[in-house]
Every structure is written in C-alpha cells, then in structure tokens.
Amino acid sequence: MIRRAHFSWLLLLLLAQPIPAPAVAGSSTSAFHQAAAQAPPQNHLDVKLPLEDKSVRFAVIGDNGTGDSPEYEIAAEMEAYRKVVGFDFVAMMGDNIYGGHKPKDFDQKFEKPYKPLLDAGVNFYACLGNHDNSNETLYKPFNMNGQRYYSFKKGPVQFFVLDSNYMDPTQLDWVQNQLSASNSKWKIAYFHHPLYSDGRFHGPDVDLRNQLMPIFEKYGVNVVLSGHEHIYERFKPEGGIYFFLVGNSGELRYGNLRQGSNIMAKGFDTDRTFMLMEISGDKLYFQTISRTGQTVDSGSLEHQPKPQSNTQAAGQSQ
C-alpha cells in the first residue's frame, strides 16, 4: 500500500507539470524563437555607420539559405540593426536556397527567417549561386524578374547583378554595354563566385577574373561583392577596385582561411556574418557583424577617380 500510494503521488505530480513543446531538429518555428531570444537589445547595438542624411544604406548576405538556426539568428540580428540603421534593401550573393526548391523550402529558408524584414518593406535582390535553381529568377521576392543577370539603381549607386555560373559571351557583352552606358557615381557588381579568395576549400575563380577584370577596370567599377566561400573576407584594392567576400550568412566553413595572405585586409572564419553598407557622397562605410552581435570589421573607403579613357591615356603617353 505504501509503495502504491507513493507511486500514485509521483504520477499526480508529473501530470501537473506543463509539457514543453518538442523542439524538432531543423524546425523553423523553434529556430525563430531561439533567434529572437538571442537578438540583442537595440540600445546595445554597436552601430559604426554615420547614418548621414539621404545616404544609400543596404545589407549584404551570402550563402544563407539553409533554413537552420544560424540563418534565423543572423536574420534576427539584421532586423535589430534595421530598426536603427534604416536600410531598405538586401543584396544576396547566391546560394539563396540550399537543397529542395519546393514551396516549403522557400518558406522555411527565406520567408520565415526574414519575415520581420519583409514585413517592414525591405527588398531582396538575389543572384544565382551554384546551389540555386534557375527557377528562382521567377520568385518575386528575389526581384530578378525572370533574368539571370540584371541591373538596378538606388540613388547615385548602380548595381550590376551577374550570373557567375554561366559567364557566356552574351552576358559579357551585356555587362560591357551596361557599364559603358552608366552615369552613376558608384558602380557595384555582385555575383556568387569570388574573383579573389583566401579560402582553402574553393579559392578564387581565376577564369572568371580574367573575363571580368578588364571590363571592370575599363569602366570604373568601384566595388565587387561575392560569396561561395563560406567565410568573410575584405581584400586590399585590386586594379583600384574594392572587393568583399560574404559567404557565411548561413553556411560556415570554420577555420578555412589561408594564413600569410598578401591580398587580405581582413578575414573572419569562426562564425556567420552579414554586412551593412552606407554610401554618402565620396564615402562608402561598411560594418560586418556576426550572429552574436560582434563587429568583426568596419571602416570607410574613398570613391576612386574615374579611369582614364584609352584616348586620354594614349595622349599622355606621347
């Protein structure tokens, strides 16, 4: 009797306890709540940008579309900064959706993690990575309008979004024509595969570099952004152009950076990151932030002088 009574008392005690909802591995709802809990209070944000009047402000992410908790944590950090910084669009470096491309994949790997940003009216401009499906060009929230490569303007900045998976002659002609016709003060090109990289896993795409660098230098591209290597890296100027690699907003290849590089200005390979950029007049300000809120890189860059035309260069050489 004593043992049975004791057992009954324990059973009643257990039944009285609230039962927590199970946390399913890869559950977007669970990941969202974890991310929201870890997002820092806005008054503790380490904002490095000057937030000047009428400046162009945007965020940069790459290789983000995993649907796992780190992607949600980065998204929550982005939303916390958006409320202070006020950026209204995001440049995506590709590998936007890993794995399947069914409606549930777009929901879990894009719509749910970035819902607060989307609800606030933030636009996303995607390029295609090697893990992406070409049908993503038709997905309206990626703003590709059915095109593998396209251009858009924000104030004095023109963005040239390329498909580095298939850099065929038609696309190269398009790039050259678009750049030659552009009168924007700042020209920013972005695409998935990096022209420069100190990552051990992939490294730079030298063939792509040989195709694009002469065009970029001739027509005065100011900044080139890319992903693919699951790290963050900022490079010393190459050909007078500023290069950034942001490939760790969802995926991470821990400890992947080569040591002793002569082209690296800053590298980070121990956590996920996203970037903030602000362009005002002759200045480009940048800040790279980890999913825990750590500023891992920041600074400002001067607008480069326009490249000399072939006619001017020939005249000076005589």
C-alpha atoms as a PDB file:
ATOM      1  CA  MET A   1       0.000   0.000   0.000  1.00  0.00           C
ATOM      2  CA  ILE A   2       2.773   2.422   0.922  1.00  0.00           C
ATOM      3  CA  ARG A   3       4.641   1.784  -2.347  1.00  0.00           C
ATOM      4  CA  ARG A   4       1.437   2.085  -4.416  1.00  0.00           C
ATOM      5  CA  ALA A   5       0.457   5.350  -2.681  1.00  0.00           C
ATOM      6  CA  HIS A   6       3.925   6.754  -3.204  1.00  0.00           C
ATOM      7  CA  PHE A   7       3.780   5.859  -6.915  1.00  0.00           C
ATOM      8  CA  SER A   8       0.333   7.498  -7.263  1.00  0.00           C
ATOM      9  CA  TRP A   9       1.632  10.680  -5.643  1.00  0.00           C
ATOM     10  CA  LEU A  10       4.573  10.827  -8.077  1.00  0.00           C
ATOM     11  CA  LEU A  11       2.265  10.239 -11.050  1.00  0.00           C
ATOM     12  CA  LEU A  12      -0.031  13.089  -9.997  1.00  0.00           C
ATOM     13  CA  LEU A  13       2.973  15.379  -9.534  1.00  0.00           C
ATOM     14  CA  LEU A  14       4.293  14.614 -13.021  1.00  0.00           C
ATOM     15  CA  LEU A  15       0.885  15.097 -14.626  1.00  0.00           C
ATOM     16  CA  ALA A  16       0.612  18.508 -13.002  1.00  0.00           C
ATOM     17  CA  GLN A  17       3.779  19.772 -14.720  1.00  0.00           C
ATOM     18  CA  PRO A  18       3.420  21.691 -18.025  1.00  0.00           C
ATOM     19  CA  ILE A  19       4.622  19.708 -21.018  1.00  0.00           C
ATOM     20  CA  PRO A  20       7.047  21.662 -23.237  1.00  0.00           C
ATOM     21  CA  ALA A  21       6.501  21.584 -26.991  1.00  0.00           C
ATOM     22  CA  PRO A  22       9.015  19.306 -28.658  1.00  0.00           C
ATOM     23  CA  ALA A  23      11.893  21.039 -30.459  1.00  0.00           C
ATOM     24  CA  VAL A  24      12.162  19.371 -33.835  1.00  0.00           C
ATOM     25  CA  ALA A  25      15.606  19.457 -35.478  1.00  0.00           C
ATOM     26  CA  GLY A  26      15.551  21.987 -38.281  1.00  0.00           C
ATOM     27  CA  SER A  27      12.201  23.385 -37.115  1.00  0.00           C
ATOM     28  CA  SER A  28      11.876  26.934 -38.435  1.00  0.00           C
ATOM     29  CA  THR A  29       9.483  27.936 -35.635  1.00  0.00           C
ATOM     30  CA  SER A  30      11.878  26.714 -32.964  1.00  0.00           C
ATOM     31  CA  ALA A  31      14.778  28.405 -34.723  1.00  0.00           C
ATOM     32  CA  PHE A  32      12.869  31.691 -34.994  1.00  0.00           C
ATOM     33  CA  HIS A  33      12.112  31.805 -31.269  1.00  0.00           C
ATOM     34  CA  GLN A  34      15.722  30.914 -30.420  1.00  0.00           C
ATOM     35  CA  ALA A  35      16.947  33.689 -32.698  1.00  0.00           C
ATOM     36  CA  ALA A  36      14.514  36.230 -31.256  1.00  0.00           C
ATOM     37  CA  ALA A  37      15.646  35.358 -27.736  1.00  0.00           C
ATOM     38  CA  GLN A  38      19.294  35.882 -28.688  1.00  0.00           C
ATOM     39  CA  ALA A  39      18.826  39.174 -30.545  1.00  0.00           C
ATOM     40  CA  PRO A  40      20.472  41.982 -28.541  1.00  0.00           C
ATOM     41  CA  PRO A  41      18.507  44.964 -27.210  1.00  0.00           C
ATOM     42  CA  GLN A  42      18.569  47.824 -29.718  1.00  0.00           C
ATOM     43  CA  ASN A  43      20.234  50.206 -27.281  1.00  0.00           C
ATOM     44  CA  HIS A  44      23.232  47.837 -27.104  1.00  0.00           C
ATOM     45  CA  LEU A  45      23.823  47.691 -30.858  1.00  0.00           C
ATOM     46  CA  ASP A  46      27.321  48.636 -31.936  1.00  0.00           C
ATOM     47  CA  VAL A  47      26.478  50.849 -34.927  1.00  0.00           C
ATOM     48  CA  LYS A  48      29.610  52.033 -36.743  1.00  0.00           C
ATOM     49  CA  LEU A  49      27.905  53.744 -39.697  1.00  0.00           C
ATOM     50  CA  PRO A  50      27.468  57.548 -39.632  1.00  0.00           C
ATOM     51  CA  LEU A  51      23.810  57.365 -40.806  1.00  0.00           C
ATOM     52  CA  GLU A  52      24.119  60.517 -42.868  1.00  0.00           C
ATOM     53  CA  ASP A  53      21.137  62.279 -44.385  1.00  0.00           C
ATOM     54  CA  LYS A  54      19.986  60.934 -47.784  1.00  0.00           C
ATOM     55  CA  SER A  55      22.625  58.201 -47.852  1.00  0.00           C
ATOM     56  CA  VAL A  56      22.102  54.793 -49.511  1.00  0.00           C
ATOM     57  CA  ARG A  57      22.039  52.022 -46.888  1.00  0.00           C
ATOM     58  CA  PHE A  58      21.772  48.299 -47.504  1.00  0.00           C
ATOM     59  CA  ALA A  59      22.715  44.899 -46.111  1.00  0.00           C
ATOM     60  CA  VAL A  60      24.705  42.092 -47.748  1.00  0.00           C
ATOM     61  CA  ILE A  61      24.266  38.350 -47.167  1.00  0.00           C
ATOM     62  CA  GLY A  62      25.631  35.295 -48.927  1.00  0.00           C
ATOM     63  CA  ASP A  63      25.202  31.503 -48.876  1.00  0.00           C
ATOM     64  CA  ASN A  64      22.378  31.991 -46.419  1.00  0.00           C
ATOM     65  CA  GLY A  65      19.551  29.666 -47.493  1.00  0.00           C
ATOM     66  CA  THR A  66      19.943  26.737 -45.108  1.00  0.00           C
ATOM     67  CA  GLY A  67      16.770  27.017 -43.043  1.00  0.00           C
ATOM     68  CA  ASP A  68      18.824  26.205 -39.935  1.00  0.00           C
ATOM     69  CA  SER A  69      19.077  28.123 -36.659  1.00  0.00           C
ATOM     70  CA  PRO A  70      22.159  30.205 -37.590  1.00  0.00           C
ATOM     71  CA  GLU A  71      20.311  31.678 -40.573  1.00  0.00           C
ATOM     72  CA  TYR A  72      17.447  32.710 -38.290  1.00  0.00           C
ATOM     73  CA  GLU A  73      19.885  34.192 -35.780  1.00  0.00           C
ATOM     74  CA  ILE A  74      21.568  36.280 -38.473  1.00  0.00           C
ATOM     75  CA  ALA A  75      18.133  37.382 -39.715  1.00  0.00           C
ATOM     76  CA  ALA A  76      17.132  38.472 -36.200  1.00  0.00           C
ATOM     77  CA  GLU A  77      20.383  40.439 -35.873  1.00  0.00           C
ATOM     78  CA  MET A  78      19.691  42.089 -39.239  1.00  0.00           C
ATOM     79  CA  GLU A  79      16.218  43.155 -38.123  1.00  0.00           C
ATOM     80  CA  ALA A  80      17.586  44.596 -34.871  1.00  0.00           C
ATOM     81  CA  TYR A  81      20.071  46.703 -36.845  1.00  0.00           C
ATOM     82  CA  ARG A  82      17.491  47.695 -39.457  1.00  0.00           C
ATOM     83  CA  LYS A  83      15.407  49.383 -36.789  1.00  0.00           C
ATOM     84  CA  VAL A  84      18.360  51.667 -36.019  1.00  0.00           C
ATOM     85  CA  VAL A  85      20.219  51.884 -39.343  1.00  0.00           C
ATOM     86  CA  GLY A  86      17.153  52.005 -41.587  1.00  0.00           C
ATOM     87  CA  PHE A  87      18.454  50.006 -44.547  1.00  0.00           C
ATOM     88  CA  ASP A  88      15.706  49.188 -47.030  1.00  0.00           C
ATOM     89  CA  PHE A  89      17.217  46.532 -49.300  1.00  0.00           C
ATOM     90  CA  VAL A  90      19.490  43.491 -49.154  1.00  0.00           C
ATOM     91  CA  ALA A  91      21.990  42.263 -51.773  1.00  0.00           C
ATOM     92  CA  MET A  92      22.157  38.443 -51.874  1.00  0.00           C
ATOM     93  CA  MET A  93      25.368  36.738 -53.031  1.00  0.00           C
ATOM     94  CA  GLY A  94      23.765  33.450 -54.098  1.00  0.00           C
ATOM     95  CA  ASP A  95      23.074  30.001 -52.689  1.00  0.00           C
ATOM     96  CA  ASN A  96      19.799  31.524 -51.608  1.00  0.00           C
ATOM     97  CA  ILE A  97      18.019  28.167 -51.230  1.00  0.00           C
ATOM     98  CA  TYR A  98      20.000  25.016 -50.418  1.00  0.00           C
ATOM     99  CA  GLY A  99      18.545  21.568 -51.090  1.00  0.00           C
ATOM    100  CA  GLY A 100      14.985  21.250 -52.381  1.00  0.00           C
ATOM    101  CA  HIS A 101      13.128  24.062 -54.131  1.00  0.00           C
ATOM    102  CA  LYS A 102       9.557  23.242 -53.198  1.00  0.00           C
ATOM    103  CA  PRO A 103       7.260  25.933 -51.748  1.00  0.00           C
ATOM    104  CA  LYS A 104       8.045  24.690 -48.223  1.00  0.00           C
ATOM    105  CA  ASP A 105      11.755  25.264 -48.883  1.00  0.00           C
ATOM    106  CA  PHE A 106      11.205  28.893 -49.866  1.00  0.00           C
ATOM    107  CA  ASP A 107       9.035  29.291 -46.782  1.00  0.00           C
ATOM    108  CA  GLN A 108      11.498  27.775 -44.301  1.00  0.00           C
ATOM    109  CA  LYS A 109      14.720  29.050 -45.883  1.00  0.00           C
ATOM    110  CA  PHE A 110      13.665  32.569 -46.847  1.00  0.00           C
ATOM    111  CA  GLU A 111      10.176  33.760 -45.944  1.00  0.00           C
ATOM    112  CA  LYS A 112      10.183  32.722 -42.279  1.00  0.00           C
ATOM    113  CA  PRO A 113      13.704  33.828 -41.266  1.00  0.00           C
ATOM    114  CA  TYR A 114      13.385  37.221 -42.991  1.00  0.00           C
ATOM    115  CA  LYS A 115       9.691  37.790 -42.247  1.00  0.00           C
ATOM    116  CA  PRO A 116      10.284  40.844 -39.996  1.00  0.00           C
ATOM    117  CA  LEU A 117      12.415  42.434 -42.738  1.00  0.00           C
ATOM    118  CA  LEU A 118       9.914  41.590 -45.470  1.00  0.00           C
ATOM    119  CA  ASP A 119       7.035  42.906 -43.347  1.00  0.00           C
ATOM    120  CA  ALA A 120       8.989  46.163 -42.923  1.00  0.00           C
ATOM    121  CA  GLY A 121       9.182  46.579 -46.710  1.00  0.00           C
ATOM    122  CA  VAL A 122      12.820  45.561 -47.182  1.00  0.00           C
ATOM    123  CA  ASN A 123      13.533  44.344 -50.727  1.00  0.00           C
ATOM    124  CA  PHE A 124      15.922  41.482 -51.521  1.00  0.00           C
ATOM    125  CA  TYR A 125      17.924  41.399 -54.780  1.00  0.00           C
ATOM    126  CA  ALA A 126      19.342  37.943 -55.457  1.00  0.00           C
ATOM    127  CA  CYS A 127      21.946  36.491 -57.763  1.00  0.00           C
ATOM    128  CA  LEU A 128      22.236  32.791 -58.592  1.00  0.00           C
ATOM    129  CA  GLY A 129      24.729  30.535 -56.836  1.00  0.00           C
ATOM    130  CA  ASN A 130      25.831  27.040 -57.785  1.00  0.00           C
ATOM    131  CA  HIS A 131      23.269  25.520 -55.369  1.00  0.00           C
ATOM    132  CA  ASP A 132      20.393  27.598 -56.735  1.00  0.00           C
ATOM    133  CA  ASN A 133      17.719  26.592 -59.222  1.00  0.00           C
ATOM    134  CA  SER A 134      17.266  28.812 -62.285  1.00  0.00           C
ATOM    135  CA  ASN A 135      13.539  28.959 -61.455  1.00  0.00           C
ATOM    136  CA  GLU A 136      14.487  31.276 -58.592  1.00  0.00           C
ATOM    137  CA  THR A 137      14.607  34.034 -61.207  1.00  0.00           C
ATOM    138  CA  LEU A 138      10.783  33.828 -61.257  1.00  0.00           C
ATOM    139  CA  TYR A 139      10.416  34.041 -57.465  1.00  0.00           C
ATOM    140  CA  LYS A 140       9.063  37.565 -56.931  1.00  0.00           C
ATOM    141  CA  PRO A 141      10.696  38.298 -53.542  1.00  0.00           C
ATOM    142  CA  PHE A 142      14.138  37.858 -55.163  1.00  0.00           C
ATOM    143  CA  ASN A 143      13.375  40.715 -57.610  1.00  0.00           C
ATOM    144  CA  MET A 144      15.134  39.052 -60.546  1.00  0.00           C
ATOM    145  CA  ASN A 145      12.141  39.439 -62.883  1.00  0.00           C
ATOM    146  CA  GLY A 146      12.957  36.220 -64.736  1.00  0.00           C
ATOM    147  CA  GLN A 147      16.500  37.349 -65.603  1.00  0.00           C
ATOM    148  CA  ARG A 148      19.790  35.558 -64.831  1.00  0.00           C
ATOM    149  CA  TYR A 149      21.539  38.948 -64.739  1.00  0.00           C
ATOM    150  CA  TYR A 150      20.117  42.430 -64.306  1.00  0.00           C
ATOM    151  CA  SER A 151      20.796  45.936 -63.034  1.00  0.00           C
ATOM    152  CA  PHE A 152      19.075  48.305 -60.609  1.00  0.00           C
ATOM    153  CA  LYS A 153      19.720  51.785 -59.222  1.00  0.00           C
ATOM    154  CA  LYS A 154      19.485  53.287 -55.754  1.00  0.00           C
ATOM    155  CA  GLY A 155      20.247  56.998 -55.750  1.00  0.00           C
ATOM    156  CA  PRO A 156      23.811  57.563 -57.021  1.00  0.00           C
ATOM    157  CA  VAL A 157      24.562  53.827 -56.943  1.00  0.00           C
ATOM    158  CA  GLN A 158      24.005  51.340 -59.764  1.00  0.00           C
ATOM    159  CA  PHE A 159      24.183  47.612 -59.052  1.00  0.00           C
ATOM    160  CA  PHE A 160      25.120  45.061 -61.701  1.00  0.00           C
ATOM    161  CA  VAL A 161      23.964  41.580 -60.671  1.00  0.00           C
ATOM    162  CA  LEU A 162      25.590  38.766 -62.652  1.00  0.00           C
ATOM    163  CA  ASP A 163      25.248  35.016 -63.071  1.00  0.00           C
ATOM    164  CA  SER A 164      28.764  33.684 -62.499  1.00  0.00           C
ATOM    165  CA  ASN A 165      27.613  30.103 -63.136  1.00  0.00           C
ATOM    166  CA  TYR A 166      27.384  30.771 -66.903  1.00  0.00           C
ATOM    167  CA  MET A 167      29.530  33.720 -67.953  1.00  0.00           C
ATOM    168  CA  ASP A 168      28.848  33.345 -71.675  1.00  0.00           C
ATOM    169  CA  PRO A 169      29.674  35.924 -74.405  1.00  0.00           C
ATOM    170  CA  THR A 170      26.117  37.263 -74.361  1.00  0.00           C
ATOM    171  CA  GLN A 171      26.357  38.130 -70.678  1.00  0.00           C
ATOM    172  CA  LEU A 172      29.832  39.638 -71.101  1.00  0.00           C
ATOM    173  CA  ASP A 173      28.505  41.889 -73.864  1.00  0.00           C
ATOM    174  CA  TRP A 174      25.603  42.884 -71.624  1.00  0.00           C
ATOM    175  CA  VAL A 175      27.983  43.747 -68.754  1.00  0.00           C
ATOM    176  CA  GLN A 176      30.163  45.881 -71.001  1.00  0.00           C
ATOM    177  CA  ASN A 177      27.204  47.710 -72.544  1.00  0.00           C
ATOM    178  CA  GLN A 178      25.567  48.340 -69.176  1.00  0.00           C
ATOM    179  CA  LEU A 179      28.744  49.679 -67.594  1.00  0.00           C
ATOM    180  CA  SER A 180      29.679  51.859 -70.561  1.00  0.00           C
ATOM    181  CA  ALA A 181      26.201  53.436 -70.582  1.00  0.00           C
ATOM    182  CA  SER A 182      26.056  54.013 -66.816  1.00  0.00           C
ATOM    183  CA  ASN A 183      26.446  57.557 -65.499  1.00  0.00           C
ATOM    184  CA  SER A 184      26.046  56.532 -61.840  1.00  0.00           C
ATOM    185  CA  LYS A 185      28.703  57.799 -59.462  1.00  0.00           C
ATOM    186  CA  TRP A 186      29.100  54.435 -57.722  1.00  0.00           C
ATOM    187  CA  LYS A 187      29.121  51.156 -59.649  1.00  0.00           C
ATOM    188  CA  ILE A 188      28.813  47.947 -57.636  1.00  0.00           C
ATOM    189  CA  ALA A 189      28.929  44.493 -59.244  1.00  0.00           C
ATOM    190  CA  TYR A 190      27.993  41.338 -57.393  1.00  0.00           C
ATOM    191  CA  PHE A 191      27.785  37.641 -58.181  1.00  0.00           C
ATOM    192  CA  HIS A 192      28.393  34.312 -56.476  1.00  0.00           C
ATOM    193  CA  HIS A 193      31.923  33.119 -57.328  1.00  0.00           C
ATOM    194  CA  PRO A 194      34.776  35.279 -55.965  1.00  0.00           C
ATOM    195  CA  LEU A 195      37.497  36.684 -58.192  1.00  0.00           C
ATOM    196  CA  TYR A 196      39.779  36.751 -55.140  1.00  0.00           C
ATOM    197  CA  SER A 197      39.691  34.421 -52.148  1.00  0.00           C
ATOM    198  CA  ASP A 198      41.998  33.107 -49.453  1.00  0.00           C
ATOM    199  CA  GLY A 199      39.628  30.242 -48.700  1.00  0.00           C
ATOM    200  CA  ARG A 200      41.246  26.828 -48.731  1.00  0.00           C
ATOM    201  CA  PHE A 201      38.158  24.964 -49.927  1.00  0.00           C
ATOM    202  CA  HIS A 202      37.393  26.789 -53.193  1.00  0.00           C
ATOM    203  CA  GLY A 203      39.829  29.632 -53.691  1.00  0.00           C
ATOM    204  CA  PRO A 204      39.469  32.295 -56.400  1.00  0.00           C
ATOM    205  CA  ASP A 205      37.806  31.753 -59.770  1.00  0.00           C
ATOM    206  CA  VAL A 206      40.744  32.787 -61.943  1.00  0.00           C
ATOM    207  CA  ASP A 207      38.988  32.164 -65.277  1.00  0.00           C
ATOM    208  CA  LEU A 208      36.128  34.435 -64.225  1.00  0.00           C
ATOM    209  CA  ARG A 209      38.656  37.020 -63.041  1.00  0.00           C
ATOM    210  CA  ASN A 210      40.346  37.034 -66.439  1.00  0.00           C
ATOM    211  CA  GLN A 211      36.996  37.601 -68.129  1.00  0.00           C
ATOM    212  CA  LEU A 212      35.656  40.348 -65.877  1.00  0.00           C
ATOM    213  CA  MET A 213      38.584  42.357 -64.533  1.00  0.00           C
ATOM    214  CA  PRO A 214      39.484  44.085 -67.833  1.00  0.00           C
ATOM    215  CA  ILE A 215      35.846  45.215 -68.181  1.00  0.00           C
ATOM    216  CA  PHE A 216      35.566  46.301 -64.545  1.00  0.00           C
ATOM    217  CA  GLU A 217      38.793  48.293 -64.699  1.00  0.00           C
ATOM    218  CA  LYS A 218      37.959  49.907 -68.047  1.00  0.00           C
ATOM    219  CA  TYR A 219      34.529  51.153 -66.979  1.00  0.00           C
ATOM    220  CA  GLY A 220      35.299  52.117 -63.403  1.00  0.00           C
ATOM    221  CA  VAL A 221      33.575  49.555 -61.209  1.00  0.00           C
ATOM    222  CA  ASN A 222      34.079  50.704 -57.621  1.00  0.00           C
ATOM    223  CA  VAL A 223      33.094  47.652 -55.556  1.00  0.00           C
ATOM    224  CA  VAL A 224      32.743  43.911 -56.215  1.00  0.00           C
ATOM    225  CA  LEU A 225      30.844  41.630 -53.799  1.00  0.00           C
ATOM    226  CA  SER A 226      30.688  37.822 -53.890  1.00  0.00           C
ATOM    227  CA  GLY A 227      30.052  34.690 -51.808  1.00  0.00           C
ATOM    228  CA  HIS A 228      30.609  30.936 -52.408  1.00  0.00           C
ATOM    229  CA  GLU A 229      33.472  30.554 -49.917  1.00  0.00           C
ATOM    230  CA  HIS A 230      31.806  30.175 -46.503  1.00  0.00           C
ATOM    231  CA  ILE A 231      33.861  32.864 -44.769  1.00  0.00           C
ATOM    232  CA  TYR A 232      34.101  36.659 -44.644  1.00  0.00           C
ATOM    233  CA  GLU A 233      36.994  38.450 -46.299  1.00  0.00           C
ATOM    234  CA  ARG A 234      37.888  42.007 -47.284  1.00  0.00           C
ATOM    235  CA  PHE A 235      40.747  42.496 -49.702  1.00  0.00           C
ATOM    236  CA  LYS A 236      43.304  45.161 -50.416  1.00  0.00           C
ATOM    237  CA  PRO A 237      42.258  47.019 -53.589  1.00  0.00           C
ATOM    238  CA  GLU A 238      42.903  45.070 -56.773  1.00  0.00           C
ATOM    239  CA  GLY A 239      43.031  47.061 -60.005  1.00  0.00           C
ATOM    240  CA  GLY A 240      41.774  50.025 -57.985  1.00  0.00           C
ATOM    241  CA  ILE A 241      38.589  48.105 -57.043  1.00  0.00           C
ATOM    242  CA  TYR A 242      37.344  47.232 -53.543  1.00  0.00           C
ATOM    243  CA  PHE A 243      36.499  43.534 -53.080  1.00  0.00           C
ATOM    244  CA  PHE A 244      34.426  41.869 -50.344  1.00  0.00           C
ATOM    245  CA  LEU A 245      33.513  38.192 -49.873  1.00  0.00           C
ATOM    246  CA  VAL A 246      30.418  37.417 -47.760  1.00  0.00           C
ATOM    247  CA  GLY A 247      29.700  33.693 -47.946  1.00  0.00           C
ATOM    248  CA  ASN A 248      28.870  32.821 -44.344  1.00  0.00           C
ATOM    249  CA  SER A 249      25.397  34.195 -43.610  1.00  0.00           C
ATOM    250  CA  GLY A 250      24.012  30.665 -43.267  1.00  0.00           C
ATOM    251  CA  GLU A 251      26.778  28.208 -44.034  1.00  0.00           C
ATOM    252  CA  LEU A 252      30.193  28.319 -42.324  1.00  0.00           C
ATOM    253  CA  ARG A 253      33.479  26.620 -43.120  1.00  0.00           C
ATOM    254  CA  TYR A 254      35.266  27.012 -39.807  1.00  0.00           C
ATOM    255  CA  GLY A 255      38.993  27.800 -39.938  1.00  0.00           C
ATOM    256  CA  ASN A 256      39.043  27.876 -43.749  1.00  0.00           C
ATOM    257  CA  LEU A 257      41.223  30.956 -44.287  1.00  0.00           C
ATOM    258  CA  ARG A 258      44.782  30.567 -45.511  1.00  0.00           C
ATOM    259  CA  GLN A 259      47.376  32.314 -43.378  1.00  0.00           C
ATOM    260  CA  GLY A 260      50.015  34.706 -44.655  1.00  0.00           C
ATOM    261  CA  SER A 261      47.961  36.196 -47.493  1.00  0.00           C
ATOM    262  CA  ASN A 262      49.316  39.295 -49.204  1.00  0.00           C
ATOM    263  CA  ILE A 263      45.905  40.385 -50.530  1.00  0.00           C
ATOM    264  CA  MET A 264      43.781  40.054 -47.378  1.00  0.00           C
ATOM    265  CA  ALA A 265      42.876  43.212 -45.476  1.00  0.00           C
ATOM    266  CA  LYS A 266      40.582  41.381 -43.015  1.00  0.00           C
ATOM    267  CA  GLY A 267      39.302  37.827 -42.654  1.00  0.00           C
ATOM    268  CA  PHE A 268      36.858  36.038 -40.359  1.00  0.00           C
ATOM    269  CA  ASP A 269      36.071  32.303 -40.412  1.00  0.00           C
ATOM    270  CA  THR A 270      34.735  31.388 -36.963  1.00  0.00           C
ATOM    271  CA  ASP A 271      31.058  32.416 -37.175  1.00  0.00           C
ATOM    272  CA  ARG A 272      28.315  33.592 -39.517  1.00  0.00           C
ATOM    273  CA  THR A 273      28.153  37.236 -40.589  1.00  0.00           C
ATOM    274  CA  PHE A 274      26.243  39.822 -42.603  1.00  0.00           C
ATOM    275  CA  MET A 275      27.350  43.250 -43.802  1.00  0.00           C
ATOM    276  CA  LEU A 276      25.918  46.746 -43.627  1.00  0.00           C
ATOM    277  CA  MET A 277      26.946  49.351 -46.188  1.00  0.00           C
ATOM    278  CA  GLU A 278      26.255  53.082 -46.391  1.00  0.00           C
ATOM    279  CA  ILE A 279      27.176  55.291 -49.338  1.00  0.00           C
ATOM    280  CA  SER A 280      27.188  59.055 -48.973  1.00  0.00           C
ATOM    281  CA  GLY A 281      28.961  61.397 -51.357  1.00  0.00           C
ATOM    282  CA  ASP A 282      32.526  60.212 -51.881  1.00  0.00           C
ATOM    283  CA  LYS A 283      32.477  57.745 -48.964  1.00  0.00           C
ATOM    284  CA  LEU A 284      31.465  54.114 -48.608  1.00  0.00           C
ATOM    285  CA  TYR A 285      31.112  52.978 -44.996  1.00  0.00           C
ATOM    286  CA  PHE A 286      30.918  49.289 -44.089  1.00  0.00           C
ATOM    287  CA  GLN A 287      30.334  47.171 -40.995  1.00  0.00           C
ATOM    288  CA  THR A 288      30.444  43.384 -40.777  1.00  0.00           C
ATOM    289  CA  ILE A 289      28.540  41.812 -37.878  1.00  0.00           C
ATOM    290  CA  SER A 290      28.475  38.257 -36.528  1.00  0.00           C
ATOM    291  CA  ARG A 291      25.340  36.427 -35.408  1.00  0.00           C
ATOM    292  CA  THR A 292      26.255  37.220 -31.762  1.00  0.00           C
ATOM    293  CA  GLY A 293      26.400  40.953 -32.500  1.00  0.00           C
ATOM    294  CA  GLN A 294      30.189  41.228 -32.655  1.00  0.00           C
ATOM    295  CA  THR A 295      31.553  43.789 -35.117  1.00  0.00           C
ATOM    296  CA  VAL A 296      34.287  41.851 -36.900  1.00  0.00           C
ATOM    297  CA  ASP A 297      35.216  44.542 -39.448  1.00  0.00           C
ATOM    298  CA  SER A 298      34.323  48.163 -40.172  1.00  0.00           C
ATOM    299  CA  GLY A 299      35.698  51.239 -41.855  1.00  0.00           C
ATOM    300  CA  SER A 300      35.293  53.676 -44.727  1.00  0.00           C
ATOM    301  CA  LEU A 301      36.539  53.777 -48.315  1.00  0.00           C
ATOM    302  CA  GLU A 302      37.061  56.713 -50.668  1.00  0.00           C
ATOM    303  CA  HIS A 303      35.420  56.910 -54.068  1.00  0.00           C
ATOM    304  CA  GLN A 304      38.037  56.128 -56.695  1.00  0.00           C
ATOM    305  CA  PRO A 305      38.847  58.550 -59.531  1.00  0.00           C
ATOM    306  CA  LYS A 306      37.331  57.728 -62.889  1.00  0.00           C
ATOM    307  CA  PRO A 307      39.563  55.587 -65.116  1.00  0.00           C
ATOM    308  CA  GLN A 308      41.227  57.376 -67.998  1.00  0.00           C
ATOM    309  CA  SER A 309      39.799  56.649 -71.426  1.00  0.00           C
ATOM    310  CA  ASN A 310      42.039  54.957 -73.964  1.00  0.00           C
ATOM    311  CA  THR A 311      42.255  58.255 -75.865  1.00  0.00           C
ATOM    312  CA  GLN A 312      43.413  60.189 -72.810  1.00  0.00           C
ATOM    313  CA  ALA A 313      45.927  57.516 -71.885  1.00  0.00           C
ATOM    314  CA  ALA A 314      47.334  57.465 -75.427  1.00  0.00           C
ATOM    315  CA  GLY A 315      47.642  61.264 -75.460  1.00  0.00           C
ATOM    316  CA  GLN A 316      49.559  61.304 -72.184  1.00  0.00           C
ATOM    317  CA  SER A 317      51.965  58.577 -73.309  1.00  0.00           C
ATOM    318  CA  GLN A 318      53.152  60.605 -76.346  1.00  0.00           C
END
